[in-house]
Amino acid sequence: MDTTLLDLAIIVSGSIGYFISIALVTTSFYKSRANKYLAISLFLLTSLTFLGSYEIGNFVLQFLDNIMLEFLVAGTLFTYFLIQIQHKYLIKKRYRLFYFPFIGSVILEFCVSFFDIVLNIYNPDFDAITYDIKDHVSFLYNVLLIFWGRYLIKKSNTISIEKKRWLLRLNLFMICIIICWFLSNIELYVYDSEYVTNFLWILLSFLTWWVLYYGIFKLQIIAQKDELHKYLVSKKTVNTSVKKKISKATVSKIITELYVVMEEEELYKNPLLSRLDLANRLGTSEGYLSQIINQEINKSVIQFVNEYRIEAAKNLLQDPVFNKYSIEAIGMEAGFKSKSVFYKTFNSNSGMSPGAFRKLHKMS
């Protein structure tokens, strides 16, 4: 493996990792209690990447390596999960117990340093054994908290599907890092090589880019969508619902009920709404629902549902009250499950992009 390219990737990704960490705790747009712990976790992981991938000669850096920042990563990341799922441990402040192993490691290293520097008593064998024990314990501790966190996330019913998906993905990413950590130790002891270790540094470097996109940008859109939804629910007088006139030629009871459930219950806002869900809600079959919509409205089920979504999005895009929300968040609130589908459907329906539509109404 080209060490120059590896070093460059680590330096660039590490710099971005530090930048994101600082931005999360200083920028009002991203600042939150949960993001504070995510920032600390990312800062520590970036630091561990630098400490592990380069030779350590400085006493301070050597001390940081010996106190096992891995213990602190496990605690901060687990706390991040607890905050996101609003777990009861936060109320009782039991999460503080998860930092005790790190505190113990720091105290132990201070004692070792005291004997070495002040008393001039140094035993390299004891130092090596102590380091190995802390290294193995920190690995097991990370395994425990990562899988415990995954269990709590899956069990939680206090968060949205989108946020749970993000947390599980982040958790899975950390599991992959732990697996590489385990394999790198085996490789080092058995084969005395560092190919897996180099891959571990690459994986840790890639984590900063991944968190930047999915954990900050995408999750912020979800947060905006949730805030937008809560605002619409609290402001019942805001006219953002879609009302359609039923044609006089429409005589089917199914179609009449369909308009009612779409407008009163706003079923179209469910991004996972399927033809089967709609048919079950109306007490009919998928085939008959498709047939009757096609006969009386001359549209497919998805075209019918998407028209409601587009009208809902237009109502939000042209209202200056919602200018602070991103177009992606508005698309999600209207019921589209992805940015690409929203843009494609909106452009097909309106002959312009959502951004152009918003800009047009800002100018008018």
Protein backbone atom coordinates (compact mmCIF):
# COMPACT_ATOMS: atom_id res chain seq x y z
CA MET A 1 0.00 0.00 0.00
CA ASP A 2 1.34 3.43 -0.95
CA THR A 3 2.17 5.05 2.40
CA THR A 4 2.15 8.53 0.83
CA LEU A 5 -1.46 8.17 -0.31
CA LEU A 6 -2.41 6.65 3.04
CA ASP A 7 -0.79 9.52 4.94
CA LEU A 8 -2.49 12.07 2.68
CA ALA A 9 -5.90 10.43 3.17
CA ILE A 10 -5.42 10.37 6.96
CA ILE A 11 -4.30 14.01 7.11
CA VAL A 12 -7.13 15.31 4.89
CA SER A 13 -9.84 13.25 6.60
CA GLY A 14 -8.42 14.03 10.03
CA SER A 15 -8.50 17.75 9.32
CA ILE A 16 -12.12 17.46 8.21
CA GLY A 17 -12.89 15.38 11.30
CA TYR A 18 -11.54 18.10 13.59
CA PHE A 19 -13.37 20.79 11.62
CA ILE A 20 -16.70 18.93 11.86
CA SER A 21 -16.19 18.34 15.58
CA ILE A 22 -15.64 22.04 16.21
CA ALA A 23 -18.53 23.06 13.93
CA LEU A 24 -20.96 20.78 15.75
CA VAL A 25 -20.38 22.52 19.08
CA THR A 26 -19.95 26.10 17.85
CA THR A 27 -22.51 26.52 15.05
CA SER A 28 -26.00 27.38 16.28
CA PHE A 29 -27.57 25.50 13.34
CA TYR A 30 -26.10 22.18 14.53
CA LYS A 31 -25.57 22.82 18.23
CA SER A 32 -27.46 20.37 20.45
CA ARG A 33 -26.78 18.12 23.42
CA ALA A 34 -26.66 15.02 21.22
CA ASN A 35 -24.32 16.61 18.67
CA LYS A 36 -21.96 17.63 21.48
CA TYR A 37 -21.31 13.96 22.26
CA LEU A 38 -21.12 13.08 18.56
CA ALA A 39 -18.52 15.84 18.16
CA ILE A 40 -16.46 14.51 21.07
CA SER A 41 -16.64 10.96 19.68
CA LEU A 42 -15.53 12.13 16.23
CA PHE A 43 -12.73 14.24 17.72
CA LEU A 44 -11.46 11.28 19.73
CA LEU A 45 -11.65 8.86 16.79
CA THR A 46 -9.73 11.33 14.62
CA SER A 47 -7.11 11.70 17.36
CA LEU A 48 -6.82 7.92 17.71
CA THR A 49 -6.27 7.66 13.95
CA PHE A 50 -3.35 10.10 14.16
CA LEU A 51 -1.92 8.48 17.32
CA GLY A 52 -2.15 4.99 15.84
CA SER A 53 -0.89 5.67 12.34
CA TYR A 54 2.24 7.67 13.23
CA GLU A 55 5.25 6.95 15.42
CA ILE A 56 4.83 8.61 18.83
CA GLY A 57 7.90 10.28 20.29
CA ASN A 58 6.42 13.12 22.29
CA PHE A 59 5.74 12.44 25.99
CA VAL A 60 2.30 14.12 25.93
CA LEU A 61 1.18 12.14 22.87
CA GLN A 62 2.57 8.96 24.41
CA PHE A 63 0.57 9.67 27.56
CA LEU A 64 -2.61 10.22 25.52
CA ASP A 65 -2.03 6.93 23.78
CA ASN A 66 -1.45 5.08 27.06
CA ILE A 67 -4.59 6.34 28.84
CA MET A 68 -6.71 4.54 26.22
CA LEU A 69 -8.97 7.15 24.67
CA GLU A 70 -10.90 4.15 23.35
CA PHE A 71 -12.63 3.96 26.75
CA LEU A 72 -13.81 7.55 26.32
CA VAL A 73 -15.02 6.92 22.75
CA ALA A 74 -17.19 4.07 23.98
CA GLY A 75 -18.73 6.27 26.69
CA THR A 76 -19.40 9.35 24.55
CA LEU A 77 -20.84 7.40 21.63
CA PHE A 78 -23.09 5.39 23.95
CA THR A 79 -24.26 8.65 25.55
CA TYR A 80 -25.03 10.00 22.06
CA PHE A 81 -27.25 6.98 21.41
CA LEU A 82 -29.00 7.43 24.76
CA ILE A 83 -29.76 11.09 24.07
CA GLN A 84 -31.11 10.37 20.60
CA ILE A 85 -33.50 7.68 21.86
CA GLN A 86 -34.32 9.68 25.03
CA HIS A 87 -33.47 6.77 27.32
CA LYS A 88 -34.30 6.72 31.03
CA TYR A 89 -30.60 6.47 31.93
CA LEU A 90 -30.31 10.17 31.05
CA ILE A 91 -32.88 11.17 33.68
CA LYS A 92 -31.23 9.11 36.37
CA LYS A 93 -27.76 10.18 35.14
CA ARG A 94 -26.58 6.58 35.15
CA TYR A 95 -24.72 7.24 31.89
CA ARG A 96 -21.94 8.83 33.97
CA LEU A 97 -20.98 5.37 35.19
CA PHE A 98 -19.84 4.50 31.68
CA TYR A 99 -16.90 6.92 32.03
CA PHE A 100 -15.43 5.16 35.07
CA PRO A 101 -13.19 2.78 33.03
CA PHE A 102 -11.59 5.79 31.32
CA ILE A 103 -11.08 7.56 34.66
CA GLY A 104 -9.51 4.38 36.05
CA SER A 105 -7.18 4.16 33.05
CA VAL A 106 -6.07 7.80 33.52
CA ILE A 107 -5.38 7.25 37.23
CA LEU A 108 -3.37 4.11 36.47
CA GLU A 109 -1.28 5.91 33.85
CA PHE A 110 -0.62 8.79 36.24
CA CYS A 111 0.67 6.27 38.79
CA VAL A 112 2.93 4.63 36.20
CA SER A 113 4.24 8.05 35.11
CA PHE A 114 4.84 9.03 38.75
CA PHE A 115 6.98 5.95 39.38
CA ASP A 116 8.84 6.51 36.11
CA ILE A 117 9.52 10.27 36.25
CA VAL A 118 9.45 11.21 39.96
CA LEU A 119 10.77 8.05 41.60
CA ASN A 120 12.82 7.02 38.56
CA ILE A 121 11.50 3.49 38.83
CA TYR A 122 10.71 2.10 35.42
CA ASN A 123 9.89 -1.49 34.53
CA PRO A 124 9.34 -1.91 30.75
CA ASP A 125 7.83 -5.36 31.19
CA PHE A 126 5.27 -4.07 33.68
CA ASP A 127 4.52 -1.11 31.42
CA ALA A 128 3.99 -3.38 28.41
CA ILE A 129 1.75 -5.78 30.36
CA THR A 130 -0.31 -2.89 31.73
CA TYR A 131 -0.74 -1.45 28.22
CA ASP A 132 -1.84 -4.81 26.78
CA ILE A 133 -4.37 -5.35 29.55
CA LYS A 134 -5.88 -1.90 29.06
CA ASP A 135 -5.92 -2.42 25.29
CA HIS A 136 -7.82 -5.72 25.57
CA VAL A 137 -10.23 -4.42 28.21
CA SER A 138 -10.96 -1.29 26.14
CA PHE A 139 -11.73 -3.51 23.13
CA LEU A 140 -14.18 -5.62 25.14
CA TYR A 141 -15.70 -2.47 26.63
CA ASN A 142 -16.34 -1.01 23.17
CA VAL A 143 -17.91 -4.28 22.03
CA LEU A 144 -20.20 -4.27 25.06
CA LEU A 145 -21.42 -0.70 24.66
CA ILE A 146 -21.79 -0.83 20.87
CA PHE A 147 -23.97 -3.94 20.93
CA TRP A 148 -25.87 -2.71 23.98
CA GLY A 149 -26.48 0.56 22.17
CA ARG A 150 -27.72 -1.32 19.11
CA TYR A 151 -30.15 -3.29 21.26
CA LEU A 152 -31.53 -0.10 22.86
CA ILE A 153 -31.91 1.63 19.48
CA LYS A 154 -33.84 -1.29 18.00
CA LYS A 155 -36.04 -1.49 21.07
CA SER A 156 -36.77 2.26 21.15
CA ASN A 157 -40.14 3.55 19.98
CA THR A 158 -39.51 7.23 20.81
CA ILE A 159 -37.76 8.24 17.58
CA SER A 160 -38.69 8.51 13.92
CA ILE A 161 -37.90 5.77 11.40
CA GLU A 162 -35.35 8.02 9.66
CA LYS A 163 -33.46 8.79 12.87
CA LYS A 164 -33.48 5.13 13.93
CA ARG A 165 -32.10 4.17 10.51
CA TRP A 166 -29.24 6.68 10.92
CA LEU A 167 -28.39 5.49 14.43
CA LEU A 168 -28.36 1.84 13.35
CA ARG A 169 -26.12 2.69 10.38
CA LEU A 170 -23.68 4.57 12.59
CA ASN A 171 -23.73 1.69 15.04
CA LEU A 172 -23.05 -0.80 12.23
CA PHE A 173 -20.17 1.34 11.00
CA MET A 174 -18.65 1.21 14.48
CA ILE A 175 -19.10 -2.57 14.55
CA CYS A 176 -17.11 -2.77 11.31
CA ILE A 177 -14.37 -0.65 12.89
CA ILE A 178 -14.30 -2.94 15.94
CA ILE A 179 -14.00 -6.00 13.69
CA CYS A 180 -11.05 -4.40 11.89
CA TRP A 181 -9.54 -3.50 15.25
CA PHE A 182 -9.80 -7.15 16.33
CA LEU A 183 -8.35 -8.50 13.05
CA SER A 184 -5.50 -5.98 13.10
CA ASN A 185 -4.43 -7.21 16.55
CA ILE A 186 -4.49 -10.82 15.37
CA GLU A 187 -2.50 -9.91 12.26
CA LEU A 188 0.08 -8.02 14.31
CA TYR A 189 0.66 -10.84 16.82
CA VAL A 190 0.49 -13.75 14.37
CA TYR A 191 1.96 -12.39 11.12
CA ASP A 192 3.74 -9.24 12.36
CA SER A 193 2.23 -7.21 9.50
CA GLU A 194 -0.10 -4.22 9.37
CA TYR A 195 -2.26 -4.53 6.24
CA VAL A 196 -5.50 -4.74 8.22
CA THR A 197 -4.26 -1.98 10.49
CA ASN A 198 -3.78 0.31 7.49
CA PHE A 199 -7.29 -0.57 6.34
CA LEU A 200 -8.52 0.36 9.83
CA TRP A 201 -6.96 3.83 9.50
CA ILE A 202 -8.63 4.23 6.10
CA LEU A 203 -11.97 3.15 7.56
CA LEU A 204 -11.63 5.61 10.43
CA SER A 205 -10.72 8.36 7.96
CA PHE A 206 -13.74 7.55 5.81
CA LEU A 207 -15.93 7.80 8.91
CA THR A 208 -15.50 11.59 9.00
CA TRP A 209 -16.81 11.97 5.44
CA TRP A 210 -19.67 9.59 6.11
CA VAL A 211 -20.70 11.37 9.31
CA LEU A 212 -20.48 14.72 7.50
CA TYR A 213 -23.06 13.63 4.91
CA TYR A 214 -25.36 11.22 6.73
CA GLY A 215 -24.95 12.27 10.33
CA ILE A 216 -24.99 16.02 9.87
CA PHE A 217 -26.46 17.03 6.51
CA LYS A 218 -29.07 14.27 6.14
CA LEU A 219 -29.99 14.15 9.82
CA GLN A 220 -30.39 17.93 9.88
CA ILE A 221 -32.92 17.64 7.03
CA ILE A 222 -34.82 15.06 9.10
CA ALA A 223 -34.71 17.40 12.10
CA GLN A 224 -36.08 20.22 9.93
CA LYS A 225 -38.82 17.92 8.67
CA ASP A 226 -39.80 17.00 12.23
CA GLU A 227 -39.81 20.67 13.27
CA LEU A 228 -41.88 21.57 10.22
CA HIS A 229 -44.37 18.80 10.97
CA LYS A 230 -44.73 19.89 14.60
CA TYR A 231 -45.32 23.47 13.46
CA LEU A 232 -48.05 22.42 11.03
CA VAL A 233 -49.73 20.28 13.68
CA SER A 234 -49.65 23.12 16.23
CA LYS A 235 -50.93 25.71 13.72
CA LYS A 236 -54.20 24.21 12.65
CA THR A 237 -55.23 27.48 11.04
CA VAL A 238 -52.35 27.36 8.55
CA ASN A 239 -53.84 26.29 5.25
CA THR A 240 -51.36 23.79 3.87
CA SER A 241 -53.74 20.88 3.36
CA VAL A 242 -54.86 19.88 -0.10
CA LYS A 243 -58.53 19.97 -1.06
CA LYS A 244 -59.81 18.58 -4.34
CA LYS A 245 -63.26 18.86 -5.80
CA ILE A 246 -64.94 15.59 -6.57
CA SER A 247 -66.15 15.45 -10.16
CA LYS A 248 -69.88 15.12 -10.70
CA ALA A 249 -69.10 12.17 -12.94
CA THR A 250 -67.60 10.38 -9.94
CA VAL A 251 -70.25 8.11 -8.50
CA SER A 252 -68.18 5.42 -6.82
CA LYS A 253 -68.38 5.26 -3.04
CA ILE A 254 -64.76 4.05 -2.96
CA ILE A 255 -63.55 7.19 -4.73
CA THR A 256 -65.57 9.44 -2.43
CA GLU A 257 -64.06 7.73 0.62
CA LEU A 258 -60.61 7.91 -0.99
CA TYR A 259 -60.80 11.71 -1.22
CA VAL A 260 -61.98 11.89 2.39
CA VAL A 261 -59.13 9.80 3.85
CA MET A 262 -56.52 11.57 1.74
CA GLU A 263 -57.68 15.06 2.73
CA GLU A 264 -58.71 14.50 6.35
CA GLU A 265 -56.10 11.93 7.37
CA GLU A 266 -53.42 13.11 4.90
CA LEU A 267 -52.34 9.55 4.14
CA TYR A 268 -50.19 10.80 1.26
CA LYS A 269 -47.69 12.19 3.81
CA ASN A 270 -46.65 8.66 4.67
CA PRO A 271 -43.60 8.00 2.42
CA LEU A 272 -44.11 4.24 2.81
CA LEU A 273 -47.77 4.36 1.75
CA SER A 274 -48.46 1.51 -0.67
CA ARG A 275 -51.37 0.56 -2.86
CA LEU A 276 -52.11 -2.30 -0.46
CA ASP A 277 -52.20 0.10 2.52
CA LEU A 278 -54.64 2.34 0.69
CA ALA A 279 -56.82 -0.59 -0.37
CA ASN A 280 -56.91 -2.00 3.17
CA ARG A 281 -57.85 1.41 4.57
CA LEU A 282 -60.80 1.58 2.15
CA GLY A 283 -61.81 -2.05 2.68
CA THR A 284 -61.24 -3.15 -0.90
CA SER A 285 -58.67 -5.01 -2.99
CA GLU A 286 -55.60 -3.57 -4.71
CA GLY A 287 -56.84 -4.57 -8.13
CA TYR A 288 -60.27 -3.01 -7.73
CA LEU A 289 -58.79 0.20 -6.28
CA SER A 290 -56.45 0.57 -9.27
CA GLN A 291 -59.27 -0.19 -11.67
CA ILE A 292 -61.76 2.28 -10.17
CA ILE A 293 -59.15 5.11 -9.94
CA ASN A 294 -58.17 4.53 -13.54
CA GLN A 295 -61.79 4.46 -14.74
CA GLU A 296 -63.11 7.46 -12.84
CA ILE A 297 -60.03 9.69 -12.46
CA ASN A 298 -57.96 8.41 -15.38
CA LYS A 299 -54.83 8.09 -13.23
CA SER A 300 -52.78 5.38 -11.59
CA VAL A 301 -52.71 5.08 -7.79
CA ILE A 302 -49.19 6.52 -7.55
CA GLN A 303 -50.11 9.45 -9.83
CA PHE A 304 -53.15 10.16 -7.68
CA VAL A 305 -51.15 10.09 -4.43
CA ASN A 306 -48.24 12.11 -5.86
CA GLU A 307 -50.60 14.87 -6.97
CA TYR A 308 -51.54 15.40 -3.35
CA ARG A 309 -47.88 15.39 -2.36
CA ILE A 310 -46.96 17.93 -5.04
CA GLU A 311 -49.80 20.26 -4.05
CA ALA A 312 -48.79 20.01 -0.39
CA ALA A 313 -45.16 20.81 -1.31
CA LYS A 314 -46.26 23.78 -3.45
CA ASN A 315 -48.32 25.19 -0.57
CA LEU A 316 -45.24 25.08 1.66
CA LEU A 317 -42.77 26.35 -0.95
CA GLN A 318 -44.79 29.43 -1.80
CA ASP A 319 -45.50 30.37 1.82
CA PRO A 320 -42.78 32.74 3.17
CA VAL A 321 -43.32 31.31 6.68
CA PHE A 322 -41.49 28.16 5.54
CA ASN A 323 -38.59 29.83 3.70
CA LYS A 324 -36.15 28.84 6.46
CA TYR A 325 -36.74 25.15 5.79
CA SER A 326 -34.76 23.31 3.12
CA ILE A 327 -36.46 22.04 -0.03
CA GLU A 328 -35.51 18.47 0.93
CA ALA A 329 -37.23 18.82 4.32
CA ILE A 330 -40.38 20.15 2.62
CA GLY A 331 -40.36 17.23 0.19
CA MET A 332 -40.11 14.78 3.08
CA GLU A 333 -42.97 16.50 4.93
CA ALA A 334 -45.10 16.26 1.77
CA GLY A 335 -44.58 12.50 1.70
CA PHE A 336 -41.65 11.86 -0.67
CA LYS A 337 -39.13 9.36 0.63
CA SER A 338 -36.11 10.70 -1.27
CA LYS A 339 -34.82 13.91 -2.78
CA SER A 340 -34.45 12.41 -6.27
CA VAL A 341 -38.05 11.17 -6.42
CA PHE A 342 -39.34 14.52 -5.15
CA TYR A 343 -37.39 16.55 -7.72
CA LYS A 344 -38.28 14.22 -10.59
CA THR A 345 -42.01 14.13 -9.74
CA PHE A 346 -42.20 17.86 -9.08
CA ASN A 347 -40.44 18.73 -12.33
CA SER A 348 -42.69 16.37 -14.29
CA ASN A 349 -45.82 17.84 -12.72
CA SER A 350 -44.86 21.52 -12.75
CA GLY A 351 -42.32 21.86 -15.53
CA MET A 352 -39.75 23.28 -13.12
CA SER A 353 -37.69 22.27 -10.11
CA PRO A 354 -38.88 22.90 -6.53
CA GLY A 355 -36.10 25.47 -6.15
CA ALA A 356 -37.20 27.37 -9.25
CA PHE A 357 -40.82 27.24 -8.05
CA ARG A 358 -39.85 28.72 -4.66
CA LYS A 359 -37.71 31.41 -6.29
CA LEU A 360 -40.52 32.32 -8.70
CA HIS A 361 -42.97 32.91 -5.85
CA LYS A 362 -40.41 34.86 -3.84
CA MET A 363 -40.10 37.29 -6.72
CA SER A 364 -43.85 37.60 -7.32
